[in-house]
Amino acid sequence: MTNTYTCTQCGTVGLSEGFIEDAGQNSRGYARWIEGALERGILGGAKRMGRAWRQIEAHRCPKCGHLELFATTGN
């Protein structure tokens, strides 16, 4: 699906909508943006409890391939 977003690299209008997949262990299938600097817990994983998060939406330029990322819906 294309839209009226403009590529910040080459100026092309109409980027292709997509998403960044997270296929890691125990993943939910999509990547998220989490507010604040990365802090690690006791077992080495990222601390996320109580932090705001947003789903990441990706748009690709059909001309130059540049990706534009947007943090959209979340908690």
PDB file of N, CA and C in Angstrom:
ATOM      1  N   MET A   1       0.842  -1.179   0.000  1.00  0.00           N
ATOM      2  CA  MET A   1       0.000   0.000   0.000  1.00  0.00           C
ATOM      3  C   MET A   1       0.888   1.245   0.000  1.00  0.00           C
ATOM      4  N   THR A   2       0.624   2.175  -0.880  1.00  0.00           N
ATOM      5  CA  THR A   2       1.388   3.413  -0.926  1.00  0.00           C
ATOM      6  C   THR A   2       0.576   4.559  -0.335  1.00  0.00           C
ATOM      7  N   ASN A   3       1.255   5.636  -0.005  1.00  0.00           N
ATOM      8  CA  ASN A   3       0.630   6.787   0.645  1.00  0.00           C
ATOM      9  C   ASN A   3       1.278   8.057   0.126  1.00  0.00           C
ATOM     10  N   THR A   4       1.089   9.155   0.812  1.00  0.00           N
ATOM     11  CA  THR A   4       1.673  10.428   0.378  1.00  0.00           C
ATOM     12  C   THR A   4       2.932  10.807   1.159  1.00  0.00           C
ATOM     13  N   TYR A   5       3.516   9.851   1.911  1.00  0.00           N
ATOM     14  CA  TYR A   5       4.786  10.142   2.587  1.00  0.00           C
ATOM     15  C   TYR A   5       5.850  10.413   1.534  1.00  0.00           C
ATOM     16  N   THR A   6       6.771  11.337   1.854  1.00  0.00           N
ATOM     17  CA  THR A   6       7.856  11.701   0.949  1.00  0.00           C
ATOM     18  C   THR A   6       9.174  11.176   1.505  1.00  0.00           C
ATOM     19  N   CYS A   7       9.985  10.569   0.652  1.00  0.00           N
ATOM     20  CA  CYS A   7      11.292  10.047   1.048  1.00  0.00           C
ATOM     21  C   CYS A   7      12.206  11.208   1.425  1.00  0.00           C
ATOM     22  N   THR A   8      12.840  11.126   2.587  1.00  0.00           N
ATOM     23  CA  THR A   8      13.731  12.195   3.037  1.00  0.00           C
ATOM     24  C   THR A   8      15.093  12.135   2.349  1.00  0.00           C
ATOM     25  N   GLN A   9      15.363  11.062   1.600  1.00  0.00           N
ATOM     26  CA  GLN A   9      16.646  10.938   0.908  1.00  0.00           C
ATOM     27  C   GLN A   9      16.593  11.442  -0.528  1.00  0.00           C
ATOM     28  N   CYS A  10      15.546  11.051  -1.292  1.00  0.00           N
ATOM     29  CA  CYS A  10      15.504  11.401  -2.710  1.00  0.00           C
ATOM     30  C   CYS A  10      14.281  12.220  -3.118  1.00  0.00           C
ATOM     31  N   GLY A  11      13.310  12.399  -2.203  1.00  0.00           N
ATOM     32  CA  GLY A  11      12.145  13.222  -2.492  1.00  0.00           C
ATOM     33  C   GLY A  11      10.990  12.519  -3.188  1.00  0.00           C
ATOM     34  N   THR A  12      11.095  11.227  -3.431  1.00  0.00           N
ATOM     35  CA  THR A  12      10.016  10.479  -4.077  1.00  0.00           C
ATOM     36  C   THR A  12       8.782  10.472  -3.177  1.00  0.00           C
ATOM     37  N   VAL A  13       7.613  10.685  -3.762  1.00  0.00           N
ATOM     38  CA  VAL A  13       6.351  10.671  -3.023  1.00  0.00           C
ATOM     39  C   VAL A  13       5.682   9.323  -3.237  1.00  0.00           C
ATOM     40  N   GLY A  14       5.132   8.754  -2.159  1.00  0.00           N
ATOM     41  CA  GLY A  14       4.435   7.474  -2.240  1.00  0.00           C
ATOM     42  C   GLY A  14       5.314   6.318  -1.810  1.00  0.00           C
ATOM     43  N   LEU A  15       5.508   6.166  -0.509  1.00  0.00           N
ATOM     44  CA  LEU A  15       6.337   5.088   0.023  1.00  0.00           C
ATOM     45  C   LEU A  15       5.499   3.832   0.242  1.00  0.00           C
ATOM     46  N   SER A  16       6.134   2.670   0.125  1.00  0.00           N
ATOM     47  CA  SER A  16       5.455   1.394   0.330  1.00  0.00           C
ATOM     48  C   SER A  16       5.425   1.059   1.813  1.00  0.00           C
ATOM     49  N   GLU A  17       4.233   0.723   2.331  1.00  0.00           N
ATOM     50  CA  GLU A  17       4.066   0.407   3.752  1.00  0.00           C
ATOM     51  C   GLU A  17       4.553  -1.001   4.050  1.00  0.00           C
ATOM     52  N   GLY A  18       5.146  -1.191   5.225  1.00  0.00           N
ATOM     53  CA  GLY A  18       5.612  -2.499   5.662  1.00  0.00           C
ATOM     54  C   GLY A  18       5.847  -2.496   7.159  1.00  0.00           C
ATOM     55  N   PHE A  19       6.576  -3.488   7.664  1.00  0.00           N
ATOM     56  CA  PHE A  19       6.913  -3.541   9.085  1.00  0.00           C
ATOM     57  C   PHE A  19       8.240  -4.243   9.265  1.00  0.00           C
ATOM     58  N   ILE A  20       8.857  -4.050  10.420  1.00  0.00           N
ATOM     59  CA  ILE A  20      10.117  -4.690  10.771  1.00  0.00           C
ATOM     60  C   ILE A  20       9.768  -5.933  11.591  1.00  0.00           C
ATOM     61  N   GLU A  21      10.151  -7.095  11.097  1.00  0.00           N
ATOM     62  CA  GLU A  21       9.816  -8.340  11.787  1.00  0.00           C
ATOM     63  C   GLU A  21      10.858  -8.668  12.848  1.00  0.00           C
ATOM     64  N   ASP A  22      10.387  -9.137  13.990  1.00  0.00           N
ATOM     65  CA  ASP A  22      11.255  -9.623  15.052  1.00  0.00           C
ATOM     66  C   ASP A  22      11.006 -11.116  15.154  1.00  0.00           C
ATOM     67  N   ALA A  23      11.953 -11.916  14.696  1.00  0.00           N
ATOM     68  CA  ALA A  23      11.779 -13.370  14.693  1.00  0.00           C
ATOM     69  C   ALA A  23      12.623 -14.037  15.774  1.00  0.00           C
ATOM     70  N   GLY A  24      13.058 -13.268  16.770  1.00  0.00           N
ATOM     71  CA  GLY A  24      13.896 -13.809  17.835  1.00  0.00           C
ATOM     72  C   GLY A  24      13.118 -14.683  18.811  1.00  0.00           C
ATOM     73  N   GLN A  25      13.826 -15.278  19.726  1.00  0.00           N
ATOM     74  CA  GLN A  25      13.236 -16.153  20.740  1.00  0.00           C
ATOM     75  C   GLN A  25      12.194 -15.392  21.552  1.00  0.00           C
ATOM     76  N   ASN A  26      11.024 -15.995  21.720  1.00  0.00           N
ATOM     77  CA  ASN A  26       9.904 -15.416  22.462  1.00  0.00           C
ATOM     78  C   ASN A  26       9.406 -14.093  21.877  1.00  0.00           C
ATOM     79  N   SER A  27       9.628 -13.865  20.582  1.00  0.00           N
ATOM     80  CA  SER A  27       9.196 -12.607  19.971  1.00  0.00           C
ATOM     81  C   SER A  27       7.699 -12.621  19.703  1.00  0.00           C
ATOM     82  N   ARG A  28       7.141 -11.436  19.500  1.00  0.00           N
ATOM     83  CA  ARG A  28       5.726 -11.296  19.178  1.00  0.00           C
ATOM     84  C   ARG A  28       5.529 -11.138  17.678  1.00  0.00           C
ATOM     85  N   GLY A  29       6.612 -11.186  16.913  1.00  0.00           N
ATOM     86  CA  GLY A  29       6.523 -11.108  15.468  1.00  0.00           C
ATOM     87  C   GLY A  29       6.718  -9.729  14.888  1.00  0.00           C
ATOM     88  N   TYR A  30       6.766  -8.700  15.711  1.00  0.00           N
ATOM     89  CA  TYR A  30       6.995  -7.344  15.217  1.00  0.00           C
ATOM     90  C   TYR A  30       7.899  -6.617  16.209  1.00  0.00           C
ATOM     91  N   ALA A  31       8.618  -5.639  15.712  1.00  0.00           N
ATOM     92  CA  ALA A  31       9.517  -4.862  16.567  1.00  0.00           C
ATOM     93  C   ALA A  31       8.755  -3.737  17.245  1.00  0.00           C
ATOM     94  N   ARG A  32       9.253  -3.306  18.395  1.00  0.00           N
ATOM     95  CA  ARG A  32       8.637  -2.197  19.130  1.00  0.00           C
ATOM     96  C   ARG A  32       9.702  -1.180  19.504  1.00  0.00           C
ATOM     97  N   TRP A  33       9.296   0.083  19.592  1.00  0.00           N
ATOM     98  CA  TRP A  33      10.132   1.142  20.128  1.00  0.00           C
ATOM     99  C   TRP A  33       9.748   1.284  21.589  1.00  0.00           C
ATOM    100  N   ILE A  34      10.749   1.287  22.492  1.00  0.00           N
ATOM    101  CA  ILE A  34      10.490   1.408  23.927  1.00  0.00           C
ATOM    102  C   ILE A  34      11.182   2.674  24.431  1.00  0.00           C
ATOM    103  N   GLU A  35      10.429   3.469  25.148  1.00  0.00           N
ATOM    104  CA  GLU A  35      10.915   4.762  25.643  1.00  0.00           C
ATOM    105  C   GLU A  35      12.054   4.593  26.641  1.00  0.00           C
ATOM    106  N   GLY A  36      13.041   5.471  26.565  1.00  0.00           N
ATOM    107  CA  GLY A  36      14.151   5.493  27.525  1.00  0.00           C
ATOM    108  C   GLY A  36      15.364   4.720  27.043  1.00  0.00           C
ATOM    109  N   ALA A  37      16.476   4.950  27.725  1.00  0.00           N
ATOM    110  CA  ALA A  37      17.730   4.271  27.395  1.00  0.00           C
ATOM    111  C   ALA A  37      17.643   2.783  27.740  1.00  0.00           C
ATOM    112  N   LEU A  38      18.407   1.963  27.019  1.00  0.00           N
ATOM    113  CA  LEU A  38      18.434   0.521  27.257  1.00  0.00           C
ATOM    114  C   LEU A  38      19.030   0.215  28.628  1.00  0.00           C
ATOM    115  N   GLU A  39      18.298  -0.525  29.433  1.00  0.00           N
ATOM    116  CA  GLU A  39      18.788  -1.032  30.709  1.00  0.00           C
ATOM    117  C   GLU A  39      18.612  -2.536  30.685  1.00  0.00           C
ATOM    118  N   ARG A  40      19.572  -3.258  31.182  1.00  0.00           N
ATOM    119  CA  ARG A  40      19.520  -4.721  31.184  1.00  0.00           C
ATOM    120  C   ARG A  40      19.137  -5.241  32.566  1.00  0.00           C
ATOM    121  N   GLY A  41      18.350  -6.318  32.579  1.00  0.00           N
ATOM    122  CA  GLY A  41      17.956  -6.968  33.811  1.00  0.00           C
ATOM    123  C   GLY A  41      19.021  -7.961  34.261  1.00  0.00           C
ATOM    124  N   ILE A  42      18.730  -8.686  35.303  1.00  0.00           N
ATOM    125  CA  ILE A  42      19.672  -9.651  35.883  1.00  0.00           C
ATOM    126  C   ILE A  42      20.097 -10.720  34.880  1.00  0.00           C
ATOM    127  N   LEU A  43      19.160 -11.187  34.048  1.00  0.00           N
ATOM    128  CA  LEU A  43      19.468 -12.237  33.076  1.00  0.00           C
ATOM    129  C   LEU A  43      19.937 -11.694  31.729  1.00  0.00           C
ATOM    130  N   GLY A  44      20.147 -10.380  31.613  1.00  0.00           N
ATOM    131  CA  GLY A  44      20.682  -9.779  30.400  1.00  0.00           C
ATOM    132  C   GLY A  44      19.654  -9.236  29.426  1.00  0.00           C
ATOM    133  N   GLY A  45      18.382  -9.522  29.652  1.00  0.00           N
ATOM    134  CA  GLY A  45      17.334  -9.000  28.771  1.00  0.00           C
ATOM    135  C   GLY A  45      17.047  -7.539  29.054  1.00  0.00           C
ATOM    136  N   ALA A  46      16.403  -6.877  28.110  1.00  0.00           N
ATOM    137  CA  ALA A  46      16.068  -5.465  28.275  1.00  0.00           C
ATOM    138  C   ALA A  46      14.947  -5.295  29.298  1.00  0.00           C
ATOM    139  N   LYS A  47      15.097  -4.290  30.172  1.00  0.00           N
ATOM    140  CA  LYS A  47      14.036  -3.966  31.130  1.00  0.00           C
ATOM    141  C   LYS A  47      12.953  -3.182  30.398  1.00  0.00           C
ATOM    142  N   ARG A  48      11.707  -3.677  30.459  1.00  0.00           N
ATOM    143  CA  ARG A  48      10.604  -3.034  29.762  1.00  0.00           C
ATOM    144  C   ARG A  48       9.449  -2.685  30.681  1.00  0.00           C
ATOM    145  N   MET A  49       9.411  -3.237  31.851  1.00  0.00           N
ATOM    146  CA  MET A  49       8.291  -3.074  32.768  1.00  0.00           C
ATOM    147  C   MET A  49       8.017  -1.599  33.077  1.00  0.00           C
ATOM    148  N   GLY A  50       6.779  -1.169  32.867  1.00  0.00           N
ATOM    149  CA  GLY A  50       6.367   0.178  33.190  1.00  0.00           C
ATOM    150  C   GLY A  50       6.761   1.239  32.177  1.00  0.00           C
ATOM    151  N   ARG A  51       7.362   0.856  31.081  1.00  0.00           N
ATOM    152  CA  ARG A  51       7.783   1.823  30.076  1.00  0.00           C
ATOM    153  C   ARG A  51       6.763   1.913  28.948  1.00  0.00           C
ATOM    154  N   ALA A  52       6.636   3.092  28.386  1.00  0.00           N
ATOM    155  CA  ALA A  52       5.765   3.282  27.232  1.00  0.00           C
ATOM    156  C   ALA A  52       6.400   2.607  26.019  1.00  0.00           C
ATOM    157  N   TRP A  53       5.575   2.040  25.134  1.00  0.00           N
ATOM    158  CA  TRP A  53       6.082   1.428  23.913  1.00  0.00           C
ATOM    159  C   TRP A  53       5.173   1.761  22.740  1.00  0.00           C
ATOM    160  N   ARG A  54       5.721   1.663  21.564  1.00  0.00           N
ATOM    161  CA  ARG A  54       4.996   1.926  20.318  1.00  0.00           C
ATOM    162  C   ARG A  54       5.395   0.872  19.293  1.00  0.00           C
ATOM    163  N   GLN A  55       4.436   0.457  18.503  1.00  0.00           N
ATOM    164  CA  GLN A  55       4.733  -0.453  17.408  1.00  0.00           C
ATOM    165  C   GLN A  55       5.457   0.338  16.318  1.00  0.00           C
ATOM    166  N   ILE A  56       6.404  -0.295  15.621  1.00  0.00           N
ATOM    167  CA  ILE A  56       7.161   0.369  14.571  1.00  0.00           C
ATOM    168  C   ILE A  56       6.531   0.065  13.217  1.00  0.00           C
ATOM    169  N   GLU A  57       6.270   1.121  12.463  1.00  0.00           N
ATOM    170  CA  GLU A  57       5.759   1.017  11.105  1.00  0.00           C
ATOM    171  C   GLU A  57       6.902   1.433  10.180  1.00  0.00           C
ATOM    172  N   ALA A  58       7.133   0.686   9.121  1.00  0.00           N
ATOM    173  CA  ALA A  58       8.221   0.997   8.198  1.00  0.00           C
ATOM    174  C   ALA A  58       7.658   1.314   6.814  1.00  0.00           C
ATOM    175  N   HIS A  59       8.238   2.309   6.167  1.00  0.00           N
ATOM    176  CA  HIS A  59       7.844   2.678   4.808  1.00  0.00           C
ATOM    177  C   HIS A  59       9.108   2.728   3.954  1.00  0.00           C
ATOM    178  N   ARG A  60       9.065   2.052   2.791  1.00  0.00           N
ATOM    179  CA  ARG A  60      10.232   1.942   1.918  1.00  0.00           C
ATOM    180  C   ARG A  60      10.029   2.753   0.642  1.00  0.00           C
ATOM    181  N   CYS A  61      11.067   3.474   0.261  1.00  0.00           N
ATOM    182  CA  CYS A  61      11.032   4.242  -0.977  1.00  0.00           C
ATOM    183  C   CYS A  61      11.204   3.292  -2.157  1.00  0.00           C
ATOM    184  N   PRO A  62      10.273   3.301  -3.131  1.00  0.00           N
ATOM    185  CA  PRO A  62      10.391   2.399  -4.279  1.00  0.00           C
ATOM    186  C   PRO A  62      11.515   2.782  -5.236  1.00  0.00           C
ATOM    187  N   LYS A  63      12.021   4.015  -5.119  1.00  0.00           N
ATOM    188  CA  LYS A  63      13.081   4.472  -6.023  1.00  0.00           C
ATOM    189  C   LYS A  63      14.478   4.176  -5.480  1.00  0.00           C
ATOM    190  N   CYS A  64      14.752   4.598  -4.232  1.00  0.00           N
ATOM    191  CA  CYS A  64      16.111   4.449  -3.692  1.00  0.00           C
ATOM    192  C   CYS A  64      16.236   3.382  -2.597  1.00  0.00           C
ATOM    193  N   GLY A  65      15.100   2.857  -2.117  1.00  0.00           N
ATOM    194  CA  GLY A  65      15.138   1.805  -1.104  1.00  0.00           C
ATOM    195  C   GLY A  65      15.281   2.281   0.334  1.00  0.00           C
ATOM    196  N   HIS A  66      15.365   3.591   0.546  1.00  0.00           N
ATOM    197  CA  HIS A  66      15.510   4.140   1.894  1.00  0.00           C
ATOM    198  C   HIS A  66      14.298   3.770   2.756  1.00  0.00           C
ATOM    199  N   LEU A  67      14.530   3.414   4.023  1.00  0.00           N
ATOM    200  CA  LEU A  67      13.448   3.112   4.952  1.00  0.00           C
ATOM    201  C   LEU A  67      13.180   4.295   5.868  1.00  0.00           C
ATOM    202  N   GLU A  68      11.914   4.612   6.042  1.00  0.00           N
ATOM    203  CA  GLU A  68      11.468   5.607   7.009  1.00  0.00           C
ATOM    204  C   GLU A  68      10.722   4.832   8.092  1.00  0.00           C
ATOM    205  N   LEU A  69      11.084   5.009   9.353  1.00  0.00           N
ATOM    206  CA  LEU A  69      10.451   4.292  10.461  1.00  0.00           C
ATOM    207  C   LEU A  69       9.628   5.258  11.296  1.00  0.00           C
ATOM    208  N   PHE A  70       8.438   4.812  11.717  1.00  0.00           N
ATOM    209  CA  PHE A  70       7.543   5.613  12.537  1.00  0.00           C
ATOM    210  C   PHE A  70       7.092   4.784  13.732  1.00  0.00           C
ATOM    211  N   ALA A  71       7.108   5.360  14.907  1.00  0.00           N
ATOM    212  CA  ALA A  71       6.580   4.712  16.107  1.00  0.00           C
ATOM    213  C   ALA A  71       5.105   5.095  16.197  1.00  0.00           C
ATOM    214  N   THR A  72       4.207   4.120  16.038  1.00  0.00           N
ATOM    215  CA  THR A  72       2.777   4.404  15.942  1.00  0.00           C
ATOM    216  C   THR A  72       2.035   3.988  17.201  1.00  0.00           C
ATOM    217  N   THR A  73       1.058   3.133  17.093  1.00  0.00           N
ATOM    218  CA  THR A  73       0.203   2.760  18.221  1.00  0.00           C
ATOM    219  C   THR A  73       0.956   1.961  19.280  1.00  0.00           C
ATOM    220  N   GLY A  74       0.482   2.019  20.484  1.00  0.00           N
ATOM    221  CA  GLY A  74       1.111   1.282  21.577  1.00  0.00           C
ATOM    222  C   GLY A  74       0.312   1.451  22.850  1.00  0.00           C
ATOM    223  N   ASN A  75       1.021   1.429  23.982  1.00  0.00           N
ATOM    224  CA  ASN A  75       0.316   1.567  25.267  1.00  0.00           C
ATOM    225  C   ASN A  75       0.323   2.971  25.767  1.00  0.00           C
TER     226      ASN A  75
END
